[in-house]
Every structure is written in C-alpha cells, then in structure tokens.
Amino acid sequence: MFDSKAEARRYAELNLLEKANEISDLRLQTEFDCVVNGQKICTYRADFDYWIRDEEFSPDDKYIVEDVKGFRTQVYRLKKKLVEALHGVEIREVRA
C-alpha cells in the first residue's frame, strides 16, 4: 500500500530498473533515526532506497535515498536536513 499514486508509479519504475539490473537492493520505507547527543529527536522514513551503478563518475555503486513529494512541509525539510547531516546521505526528491 502506498501513500499516493505517484509513489506507486515510482515504485513500478524502480521495480523495472531492478529487474533490468540497473539498480539493486530496492527497499521501501527504510527508517533513519535522528539521534543528537544521545537523544533521539525523530525518525525519518524514506519512500525508497537502493544502490545504483554510477559509471559516469566512478566504478563504485552509489547509495540512493528517495522521497516522492508533492509538497514539502516544514517538518519534512527539517527531517531531511537532519538525516543528510547525521547519516551522510543525500535524499533525492522525486516530484509527484
């Protein structure tokens, strides 16, 4: 079950890419805890995460965290910044 039709469409696209071996280890609803000074501030739940081969820049696989967004709330913007700073990932936003 998906929160939106756009999220369901994106999952179908990513599923096809995984079957074509362009991405791997596709996961849904991965959680990232945001802990500062030993205190849990919040949990961010990504729509998708996966690995992609990034041959244009290097032969290494690249970890992708993705969120399908129609509207960026203030809470989402704050959580995005926290996750990126604390976990060293970049969250890609896919427009709904």
PDB file of N, CA and C in Angstrom:
ATOM      1  N   MET A   1       0.836  -1.177   0.000  1.00  0.00           N
ATOM      2  CA  MET A   1       0.000   0.000   0.000  1.00  0.00           C
ATOM      3  C   MET A   1       0.884   1.244   0.000  1.00  0.00           C
ATOM      4  N   PHE A   2       0.587   2.187  -0.857  1.00  0.00           N
ATOM      5  CA  PHE A   2       1.382   3.402  -0.971  1.00  0.00           C
ATOM      6  C   PHE A   2       0.570   4.612  -0.556  1.00  0.00           C
ATOM      7  N   ASP A   3       1.264   5.659  -0.123  1.00  0.00           N
ATOM      8  CA  ASP A   3       0.596   6.883   0.334  1.00  0.00           C
ATOM      9  C   ASP A   3      -0.030   7.675  -0.814  1.00  0.00           C
ATOM     10  N   SER A   4       0.469   7.459  -2.041  1.00  0.00           N
ATOM     11  CA  SER A   4      -0.059   8.211  -3.182  1.00  0.00           C
ATOM     12  C   SER A   4       0.099   7.407  -4.469  1.00  0.00           C
ATOM     13  N   LYS A   5      -0.627   7.838  -5.496  1.00  0.00           N
ATOM     14  CA  LYS A   5      -0.487   7.205  -6.811  1.00  0.00           C
ATOM     15  C   LYS A   5       0.904   7.455  -7.379  1.00  0.00           C
ATOM     16  N   ALA A   6       1.456   8.637  -7.105  1.00  0.00           N
ATOM     17  CA  ALA A   6       2.795   8.969  -7.594  1.00  0.00           C
ATOM     18  C   ALA A   6       3.840   8.033  -6.988  1.00  0.00           C
ATOM     19  N   GLU A   7       3.688   7.728  -5.707  1.00  0.00           N
ATOM     20  CA  GLU A   7       4.623   6.814  -5.046  1.00  0.00           C
ATOM     21  C   GLU A   7       4.500   5.402  -5.629  1.00  0.00           C
ATOM     22  N   ALA A   8       3.292   4.973  -5.906  1.00  0.00           N
ATOM     23  CA  ALA A   8       3.073   3.654  -6.514  1.00  0.00           C
ATOM     24  C   ALA A   8       3.677   3.594  -7.916  1.00  0.00           C
ATOM     25  N   ARG A   9       3.514   4.678  -8.693  1.00  0.00           N
ATOM     26  CA  ARG A   9       4.116   4.743 -10.036  1.00  0.00           C
ATOM     27  C   ARG A   9       5.636   4.671  -9.955  1.00  0.00           C
ATOM     28  N   ARG A  10       6.201   5.422  -9.005  1.00  0.00           N
ATOM     29  CA  ARG A  10       7.664   5.424  -8.870  1.00  0.00           C
ATOM     30  C   ARG A  10       8.170   4.046  -8.467  1.00  0.00           C
ATOM     31  N   TYR A  11       7.439   3.364  -7.607  1.00  0.00           N
ATOM     32  CA  TYR A  11       7.829   2.006  -7.224  1.00  0.00           C
ATOM     33  C   TYR A  11       7.836   1.089  -8.451  1.00  0.00           C
ATOM     34  N   ALA A  12       6.821   1.203  -9.293  1.00  0.00           N
ATOM     35  CA  ALA A  12       6.762   0.370 -10.506  1.00  0.00           C
ATOM     36  C   ALA A  12       7.981   0.649 -11.395  1.00  0.00           C
ATOM     37  N   GLU A  13       8.367   1.926 -11.527  1.00  0.00           N
ATOM     38  CA  GLU A  13       9.547   2.287 -12.321  1.00  0.00           C
ATOM     39  C   GLU A  13      10.815   1.684 -11.720  1.00  0.00           C
ATOM     40  N   LEU A  14      10.974   1.839 -10.416  1.00  0.00           N
ATOM     41  CA  LEU A  14      12.166   1.312  -9.744  1.00  0.00           C
ATOM     42  C   LEU A  14      12.210  -0.216  -9.809  1.00  0.00           C
ATOM     43  N   ASN A  15      11.052  -0.847  -9.716  1.00  0.00           N
ATOM     44  CA  ASN A  15      10.986  -2.296  -9.804  1.00  0.00           C
ATOM     45  C   ASN A  15      11.471  -2.774 -11.175  1.00  0.00           C
ATOM     46  N   LEU A  16      11.082  -2.064 -12.229  1.00  0.00           N
ATOM     47  CA  LEU A  16      11.557  -2.411 -13.575  1.00  0.00           C
ATOM     48  C   LEU A  16      13.063  -2.214 -13.703  1.00  0.00           C
ATOM     49  N   LEU A  17      13.576  -1.129 -13.119  1.00  0.00           N
ATOM     50  CA  LEU A  17      15.020  -0.886 -13.151  1.00  0.00           C
ATOM     51  C   LEU A  17      15.785  -1.979 -12.412  1.00  0.00           C
ATOM     52  N   GLU A  18      15.211  -2.468 -11.325  1.00  0.00           N
ATOM     53  CA  GLU A  18      15.870  -3.550 -10.584  1.00  0.00           C
ATOM     54  C   GLU A  18      15.867  -4.838 -11.405  1.00  0.00           C
ATOM     55  N   LYS A  19      14.759  -5.119 -12.080  1.00  0.00           N
ATOM     56  CA  LYS A  19      14.691  -6.321 -12.926  1.00  0.00           C
ATOM     57  C   LYS A  19      15.675  -6.235 -14.089  1.00  0.00           C
ATOM     58  N   ALA A  20      15.965  -5.009 -14.551  1.00  0.00           N
ATOM     59  CA  ALA A  20      16.919  -4.798 -15.646  1.00  0.00           C
ATOM     60  C   ALA A  20      18.363  -4.703 -15.132  1.00  0.00           C
ATOM     61  N   ASN A  21      18.553  -4.917 -13.845  1.00  0.00           N
ATOM     62  CA  ASN A  21      19.873  -4.866 -13.192  1.00  0.00           C
ATOM     63  C   ASN A  21      20.541  -3.502 -13.267  1.00  0.00           C
ATOM     64  N   GLU A  22      19.745  -2.441 -13.369  1.00  0.00           N
ATOM     65  CA  GLU A  22      20.300  -1.092 -13.360  1.00  0.00           C
ATOM     66  C   GLU A  22      20.415  -0.560 -11.939  1.00  0.00           C
ATOM     67  N   ILE A  23      19.582  -1.095 -11.035  1.00  0.00           N
ATOM     68  CA  ILE A  23      19.684  -0.801  -9.612  1.00  0.00           C
ATOM     69  C   ILE A  23      19.597  -2.129  -8.864  1.00  0.00           C
ATOM     70  N   SER A  24      19.977  -2.097  -7.577  1.00  0.00           N
ATOM     71  CA  SER A  24      19.881  -3.321  -6.782  1.00  0.00           C
ATOM     72  C   SER A  24      19.444  -2.993  -5.361  1.00  0.00           C
ATOM     73  N   ASP A  25      19.006  -4.022  -4.671  1.00  0.00           N
ATOM     74  CA  ASP A  25      18.629  -3.922  -3.252  1.00  0.00           C
ATOM     75  C   ASP A  25      17.573  -2.855  -2.983  1.00  0.00           C
ATOM     76  N   LEU A  26      16.560  -2.794  -3.828  1.00  0.00           N
ATOM     77  CA  LEU A  26      15.468  -1.837  -3.645  1.00  0.00           C
ATOM     78  C   LEU A  26      14.709  -2.165  -2.362  1.00  0.00           C
ATOM     79  N   ARG A  27      14.572  -1.148  -1.508  1.00  0.00           N
ATOM     80  CA  ARG A  27      13.821  -1.312  -0.257  1.00  0.00           C
ATOM     81  C   ARG A  27      12.802  -0.191  -0.135  1.00  0.00           C
ATOM     82  N   LEU A  28      11.741  -0.471   0.599  1.00  0.00           N
ATOM     83  CA  LEU A  28      10.677   0.508   0.824  1.00  0.00           C
ATOM     84  C   LEU A  28      10.620   0.860   2.307  1.00  0.00           C
ATOM     85  N   GLN A  29      10.303   2.122   2.589  1.00  0.00           N
ATOM     86  CA  GLN A  29      10.039   2.583   3.944  1.00  0.00           C
ATOM     87  C   GLN A  29      11.197   2.344   4.916  1.00  0.00           C
ATOM     88  N   THR A  30      12.422   2.576   4.472  1.00  0.00           N
ATOM     89  CA  THR A  30      13.586   2.457   5.345  1.00  0.00           C
ATOM     90  C   THR A  30      13.575   3.595   6.357  1.00  0.00           C
ATOM     91  N   GLU A  31      13.830   3.263   7.605  1.00  0.00           N
ATOM     92  CA  GLU A  31      13.800   4.265   8.667  1.00  0.00           C
ATOM     93  C   GLU A  31      15.207   4.703   9.051  1.00  0.00           C
ATOM     94  N   PHE A  32      15.350   6.006   9.283  1.00  0.00           N
ATOM     95  CA  PHE A  32      16.596   6.608   9.743  1.00  0.00           C
ATOM     96  C   PHE A  32      16.312   7.323  11.057  1.00  0.00           C
ATOM     97  N   ASP A  33      16.935   6.866  12.131  1.00  0.00           N
ATOM     98  CA  ASP A  33      16.784   7.552  13.410  1.00  0.00           C
ATOM     99  C   ASP A  33      17.701   8.754  13.447  1.00  0.00           C
ATOM    100  N   CYS A  34      17.215   9.861  13.947  1.00  0.00           N
ATOM    101  CA  CYS A  34      17.995  11.080  14.101  1.00  0.00           C
ATOM    102  C   CYS A  34      18.302  11.241  15.587  1.00  0.00           C
ATOM    103  N   VAL A  35      19.553  10.954  15.944  1.00  0.00           N
ATOM    104  CA  VAL A  35      19.991  10.992  17.337  1.00  0.00           C
ATOM    105  C   VAL A  35      21.056  12.072  17.472  1.00  0.00           C
ATOM    106  N   VAL A  36      20.842  12.997  18.405  1.00  0.00           N
ATOM    107  CA  VAL A  36      21.780  14.088  18.652  1.00  0.00           C
ATOM    108  C   VAL A  36      22.154  14.054  20.131  1.00  0.00           C
ATOM    109  N   ASN A  37      23.458  14.000  20.405  1.00  0.00           N
ATOM    110  CA  ASN A  37      23.949  13.944  21.786  1.00  0.00           C
ATOM    111  C   ASN A  37      23.277  12.841  22.595  1.00  0.00           C
ATOM    112  N   GLY A  38      23.084  11.692  21.972  1.00  0.00           N
ATOM    113  CA  GLY A  38      22.493  10.550  22.647  1.00  0.00           C
ATOM    114  C   GLY A  38      20.987  10.604  22.800  1.00  0.00           C
ATOM    115  N   GLN A  39      20.367  11.639  22.286  1.00  0.00           N
ATOM    116  CA  GLN A  39      18.912  11.783  22.408  1.00  0.00           C
ATOM    117  C   GLN A  39      18.256  11.625  21.039  1.00  0.00           C
ATOM    118  N   LYS A  40      17.275  10.723  20.964  1.00  0.00           N
ATOM    119  CA  LYS A  40      16.548  10.531  19.713  1.00  0.00           C
ATOM    120  C   LYS A  40      15.594  11.702  19.509  1.00  0.00           C
ATOM    121  N   ILE A  41      15.798  12.409  18.393  1.00  0.00           N
ATOM    122  CA  ILE A  41      14.981  13.577  18.072  1.00  0.00           C
ATOM    123  C   ILE A  41      13.749  13.170  17.259  1.00  0.00           C
ATOM    124  N   CYS A  42      13.960  12.312  16.270  1.00  0.00           N
ATOM    125  CA  CYS A  42      12.865  11.886  15.406  1.00  0.00           C
ATOM    126  C   CYS A  42      13.306  10.690  14.576  1.00  0.00           C
ATOM    127  N   THR A  43      12.371  10.166  13.816  1.00  0.00           N
ATOM    128  CA  THR A  43      12.657   9.121  12.836  1.00  0.00           C
ATOM    129  C   THR A  43      12.152   9.602  11.488  1.00  0.00           C
ATOM    130  N   TYR A  44      13.002   9.442  10.471  1.00  0.00           N
ATOM    131  CA  TYR A  44      12.616   9.781   9.094  1.00  0.00           C
ATOM    132  C   TYR A  44      12.402   8.474   8.346  1.00  0.00           C
ATOM    133  N   ARG A  45      11.302   8.367   7.624  1.00  0.00           N
ATOM    134  CA  ARG A  45      11.014   7.176   6.837  1.00  0.00           C
ATOM    135  C   ARG A  45      11.082   7.543   5.360  1.00  0.00           C
ATOM    136  N   ALA A  46      12.077   6.997   4.678  1.00  0.00           N
ATOM    137  CA  ALA A  46      12.247   7.243   3.245  1.00  0.00           C
ATOM    138  C   ALA A  46      11.262   6.393   2.455  1.00  0.00           C
ATOM    139  N   ASP A  47      10.824   6.896   1.315  1.00  0.00           N
ATOM    140  CA  ASP A  47       9.945   6.088   0.461  1.00  0.00           C
ATOM    141  C   ASP A  47      10.704   4.893  -0.102  1.00  0.00           C
ATOM    142  N   PHE A  48      11.920   5.145  -0.618  1.00  0.00           N
ATOM    143  CA  PHE A  48      12.714   4.083  -1.242  1.00  0.00           C
ATOM    144  C   PHE A  48      14.192   4.322  -0.964  1.00  0.00           C
ATOM    145  N   ASP A  49      14.957   3.243  -0.978  1.00  0.00           N
ATOM    146  CA  ASP A  49      16.406   3.349  -1.052  1.00  0.00           C
ATOM    147  C   ASP A  49      16.922   2.163  -1.859  1.00  0.00           C
ATOM    148  N   TYR A  50      18.056   2.363  -2.522  1.00  0.00           N
ATOM    149  CA  TYR A  50      18.603   1.346  -3.414  1.00  0.00           C
ATOM    150  C   TYR A  50      20.037   1.717  -3.781  1.00  0.00           C
ATOM    151  N   TRP A  51      20.701   0.816  -4.470  1.00  0.00           N
ATOM    152  CA  TRP A  51      22.059   1.039  -4.959  1.00  0.00           C
ATOM    153  C   TRP A  51      22.016   1.135  -6.476  1.00  0.00           C
ATOM    154  N   ILE A  52      22.811   2.060  -7.016  1.00  0.00           N
ATOM    155  CA  ILE A  52      22.863   2.251  -8.466  1.00  0.00           C
ATOM    156  C   ILE A  52      24.329   2.324  -8.900  1.00  0.00           C
ATOM    157  N   ARG A  53      24.594   1.767 -10.060  1.00  0.00           N
ATOM    158  CA  ARG A  53      25.945   1.836 -10.621  1.00  0.00           C
ATOM    159  C   ARG A  53      26.123   3.228 -11.215  1.00  0.00           C
ATOM    160  N   ASP A  54      27.155   3.932 -10.786  1.00  0.00           N
ATOM    161  CA  ASP A  54      27.409   5.301 -11.240  1.00  0.00           C
ATOM    162  C   ASP A  54      28.695   5.326 -12.058  1.00  0.00           C
ATOM    163  N   GLU A  55      28.645   4.703 -13.240  1.00  0.00           N
ATOM    164  CA  GLU A  55      29.850   4.548 -14.060  1.00  0.00           C
ATOM    165  C   GLU A  55      30.325   5.843 -14.688  1.00  0.00           C
ATOM    166  N   GLU A  56      29.467   6.846 -14.755  1.00  0.00           N
ATOM    167  CA  GLU A  56      29.871   8.112 -15.364  1.00  0.00           C
ATOM    168  C   GLU A  56      30.995   8.765 -14.566  1.00  0.00           C
ATOM    169  N   PHE A  57      30.938   8.640 -13.252  1.00  0.00           N
ATOM    170  CA  PHE A  57      31.918   9.306 -12.398  1.00  0.00           C
ATOM    171  C   PHE A  57      32.905   8.342 -11.758  1.00  0.00           C
ATOM    172  N   SER A  58      32.478   7.133 -11.446  1.00  0.00           N
ATOM    173  CA  SER A  58      33.361   6.168 -10.808  1.00  0.00           C
ATOM    174  C   SER A  58      32.795   4.771 -10.999  1.00  0.00           C
ATOM    175  N   PRO A  59      33.622   3.762 -10.817  1.00  0.00           N
ATOM    176  CA  PRO A  59      33.130   2.385 -10.964  1.00  0.00           C
ATOM    177  C   PRO A  59      32.409   1.871  -9.715  1.00  0.00           C
ATOM    178  N   ASP A  60      32.232   2.714  -8.703  1.00  0.00           N
ATOM    179  CA  ASP A  60      31.611   2.290  -7.448  1.00  0.00           C
ATOM    180  C   ASP A  60      30.090   2.436  -7.502  1.00  0.00           C
ATOM    181  N   ASP A  61      29.424   1.603  -6.721  1.00  0.00           N
ATOM    182  CA  ASP A  61      27.983   1.745  -6.581  1.00  0.00           C
ATOM    183  C   ASP A  61      27.683   2.949  -5.705  1.00  0.00           C
ATOM    184  N   LYS A  62      26.531   3.567  -5.924  1.00  0.00           N
ATOM    185  CA  LYS A  62      26.131   4.745  -5.172  1.00  0.00           C
ATOM    186  C   LYS A  62      24.818   4.447  -4.467  1.00  0.00           C
ATOM    187  N   TYR A  63      24.756   4.810  -3.186  1.00  0.00           N
ATOM    188  CA  TYR A  63      23.561   4.601  -2.385  1.00  0.00           C
ATOM    189  C   TYR A  63      22.606   5.765  -2.598  1.00  0.00           C
ATOM    190  N   ILE A  64      21.338   5.451  -2.902  1.00  0.00           N
ATOM    191  CA  ILE A  64      20.330   6.461  -3.189  1.00  0.00           C
ATOM    192  C   ILE A  64      19.186   6.329  -2.177  1.00  0.00           C
ATOM    193  N   VAL A  65      18.798   7.459  -1.605  1.00  0.00           N
ATOM    194  CA  VAL A  65      17.611   7.542  -0.747  1.00  0.00           C
ATOM    195  C   VAL A  65      16.650   8.465  -1.482  1.00  0.00           C
ATOM    196  N   GLU A  66      15.411   8.020  -1.634  1.00  0.00           N
ATOM    197  CA  GLU A  66      14.466   8.754  -2.474  1.00  0.00           C
ATOM    198  C   GLU A  66      13.149   8.998  -1.737  1.00  0.00           C
ATOM    199  N   ASP A  67      12.579  10.170  -1.975  1.00  0.00           N
ATOM    200  CA  ASP A  67      11.283  10.519  -1.399  1.00  0.00           C
ATOM    201  C   ASP A  67      10.423  11.145  -2.491  1.00  0.00           C
ATOM    202  N   VAL A  68       9.219  10.633  -2.669  1.00  0.00           N
ATOM    203  CA  VAL A  68       8.279  11.179  -3.648  1.00  0.00           C
ATOM    204  C   VAL A  68       7.511  12.289  -2.949  1.00  0.00           C
ATOM    205  N   LYS A  69       7.595  13.497  -3.507  1.00  0.00           N
ATOM    206  CA  LYS A  69       6.993  14.654  -2.845  1.00  0.00           C
ATOM    207  C   LYS A  69       6.086  15.430  -3.774  1.00  0.00           C
ATOM    208  N   GLY A  70       4.920  15.745  -3.274  1.00  0.00           N
ATOM    209  CA  GLY A  70       4.028  16.671  -3.954  1.00  0.00           C
ATOM    210  C   GLY A  70       4.170  18.043  -3.320  1.00  0.00           C
ATOM    211  N   PHE A  71       4.401  18.033  -1.996  1.00  0.00           N
ATOM    212  CA  PHE A  71       4.525  19.274  -1.233  1.00  0.00           C
ATOM    213  C   PHE A  71       5.551  19.057  -0.133  1.00  0.00           C
ATOM    214  N   ARG A  72       6.441  20.011   0.043  1.00  0.00           N
ATOM    215  CA  ARG A  72       7.497  19.918   1.055  1.00  0.00           C
ATOM    216  C   ARG A  72       7.075  20.681   2.312  1.00  0.00           C
ATOM    217  N   THR A  73       6.687  19.952   3.353  1.00  0.00           N
ATOM    218  CA  THR A  73       6.283  20.598   4.603  1.00  0.00           C
ATOM    219  C   THR A  73       7.527  21.062   5.373  1.00  0.00           C
ATOM    220  N   GLN A  74       7.327  21.910   6.364  1.00  0.00           N
ATOM    221  CA  GLN A  74       8.433  22.367   7.203  1.00  0.00           C
ATOM    222  C   GLN A  74       9.045  21.202   7.976  1.00  0.00           C
ATOM    223  N   VAL A  75       8.207  20.312   8.463  1.00  0.00           N
ATOM    224  CA  VAL A  75       8.711  19.151   9.206  1.00  0.00           C
ATOM    225  C   VAL A  75       9.577  18.285   8.289  1.00  0.00           C
ATOM    226  N   TYR A  76       9.120  18.041   7.060  1.00  0.00           N
ATOM    227  CA  TYR A  76       9.909  17.248   6.110  1.00  0.00           C
ATOM    228  C   TYR A  76      11.253  17.916   5.848  1.00  0.00           C
ATOM    229  N   ARG A  77      11.269  19.221   5.611  1.00  0.00           N
ATOM    230  CA  ARG A  77      12.528  19.930   5.334  1.00  0.00           C
ATOM    231  C   ARG A  77      13.516  19.781   6.484  1.00  0.00           C
ATOM    232  N   LEU A  78      13.017  19.871   7.704  1.00  0.00           N
ATOM    233  CA  LEU A  78      13.877  19.727   8.878  1.00  0.00           C
ATOM    234  C   LEU A  78      14.418  18.301   8.992  1.00  0.00           C
ATOM    235  N   LYS A  79      13.542  17.324   8.834  1.00  0.00           N
ATOM    236  CA  LYS A  79      13.984  15.930   8.909  1.00  0.00           C
ATOM    237  C   LYS A  79      14.990  15.607   7.809  1.00  0.00           C
ATOM    238  N   LYS A  80      14.769  16.125   6.623  1.00  0.00           N
ATOM    239  CA  LYS A  80      15.692  15.905   5.502  1.00  0.00           C
ATOM    240  C   LYS A  80      17.082  16.425   5.850  1.00  0.00           C
ATOM    241  N   LYS A  81      17.153  17.624   6.389  1.00  0.00           N
ATOM    242  CA  LYS A  81      18.444  18.196   6.778  1.00  0.00           C
ATOM    243  C   LYS A  81      19.117  17.368   7.871  1.00  0.00           C
ATOM    244  N   LEU A  82      18.335  16.938   8.849  1.00  0.00           N
ATOM    245  CA  LEU A  82      18.891  16.115   9.928  1.00  0.00           C
ATOM    246  C   LEU A  82      19.456  14.799   9.396  1.00  0.00           C
ATOM    247  N   VAL A  83      18.687  14.103   8.578  1.00  0.00           N
ATOM    248  CA  VAL A  83      19.133  12.815   8.034  1.00  0.00           C
ATOM    249  C   VAL A  83      20.390  12.996   7.197  1.00  0.00           C
ATOM    250  N   GLU A  84      20.407  13.988   6.340  1.00  0.00           N
ATOM    251  CA  GLU A  84      21.580  14.209   5.487  1.00  0.00           C
ATOM    252  C   GLU A  84      22.817  14.517   6.323  1.00  0.00           C
ATOM    253  N   ALA A  85      22.660  15.314   7.368  1.00  0.00           N
ATOM    254  CA  ALA A  85      23.800  15.671   8.215  1.00  0.00           C
ATOM    255  C   ALA A  85      24.257  14.500   9.088  1.00  0.00           C
ATOM    256  N   LEU A  86      23.314  13.781   9.662  1.00  0.00           N
ATOM    257  CA  LEU A  86      23.660  12.725  10.606  1.00  0.00           C
ATOM    258  C   LEU A  86      24.062  11.414   9.943  1.00  0.00           C
ATOM    259  N   HIS A  87      23.491  11.115   8.785  1.00  0.00           N
ATOM    260  CA  HIS A  87      23.734   9.823   8.139  1.00  0.00           C
ATOM    261  C   HIS A  87      24.613   9.922   6.897  1.00  0.00           C
ATOM    262  N   GLY A  88      24.963  11.126   6.495  1.00  0.00           N
ATOM    263  CA  GLY A  88      25.849  11.289   5.341  1.00  0.00           C
ATOM    264  C   GLY A  88      25.258  10.822   4.028  1.00  0.00           C
ATOM    265  N   VAL A  89      23.955  10.953   3.882  1.00  0.00           N
ATOM    266  CA  VAL A  89      23.281  10.581   2.636  1.00  0.00           C
ATOM    267  C   VAL A  89      22.641  11.819   2.038  1.00  0.00           C
ATOM    268  N   GLU A  90      22.336  11.747   0.763  1.00  0.00           N
ATOM    269  CA  GLU A  90      21.576  12.796   0.098  1.00  0.00           C
ATOM    270  C   GLU A  90      20.216  12.219  -0.257  1.00  0.00           C
ATOM    271  N   ILE A  91      19.172  12.941   0.097  1.00  0.00           N
ATOM    272  CA  ILE A  91      17.815  12.489  -0.213  1.00  0.00           C
ATOM    273  C   ILE A  91      17.387  13.132  -1.530  1.00  0.00           C
ATOM    274  N   ARG A  92      17.121  12.270  -2.512  1.00  0.00           N
ATOM    275  CA  ARG A  92      16.628  12.733  -3.802  1.00  0.00           C
ATOM    276  C   ARG A  92      15.122  12.888  -3.714  1.00  0.00           C
ATOM    277  N   GLU A  93      14.642  14.013  -4.176  1.00  0.00           N
ATOM    278  CA  GLU A  93      13.197  14.249  -4.188  1.00  0.00           C
ATOM    279  C   GLU A  93      12.676  14.035  -5.596  1.00  0.00           C
ATOM    280  N   VAL A  94      11.661  13.195  -5.704  1.00  0.00           N
ATOM    281  CA  VAL A  94      11.005  12.945  -6.980  1.00  0.00           C
ATOM    282  C   VAL A  94       9.654  13.634  -6.906  1.00  0.00           C
ATOM    283  N   ARG A  95       9.401  14.508  -7.846  1.00  0.00           N
ATOM    284  CA  ARG A  95       8.155  15.277  -7.841  1.00  0.00           C
ATOM    285  C   ARG A  95       6.975  14.407  -8.225  1.00  0.00           C
ATOM    286  N   ALA A  96       5.898  14.571  -7.473  1.00  0.00           N
ATOM    287  CA  ALA A  96       4.673  13.801  -7.732  1.00  0.00           C
ATOM    288  C   ALA A  96       3.950  14.359  -8.925  1.00  0.00           C
TER     289      ALA A  96
END
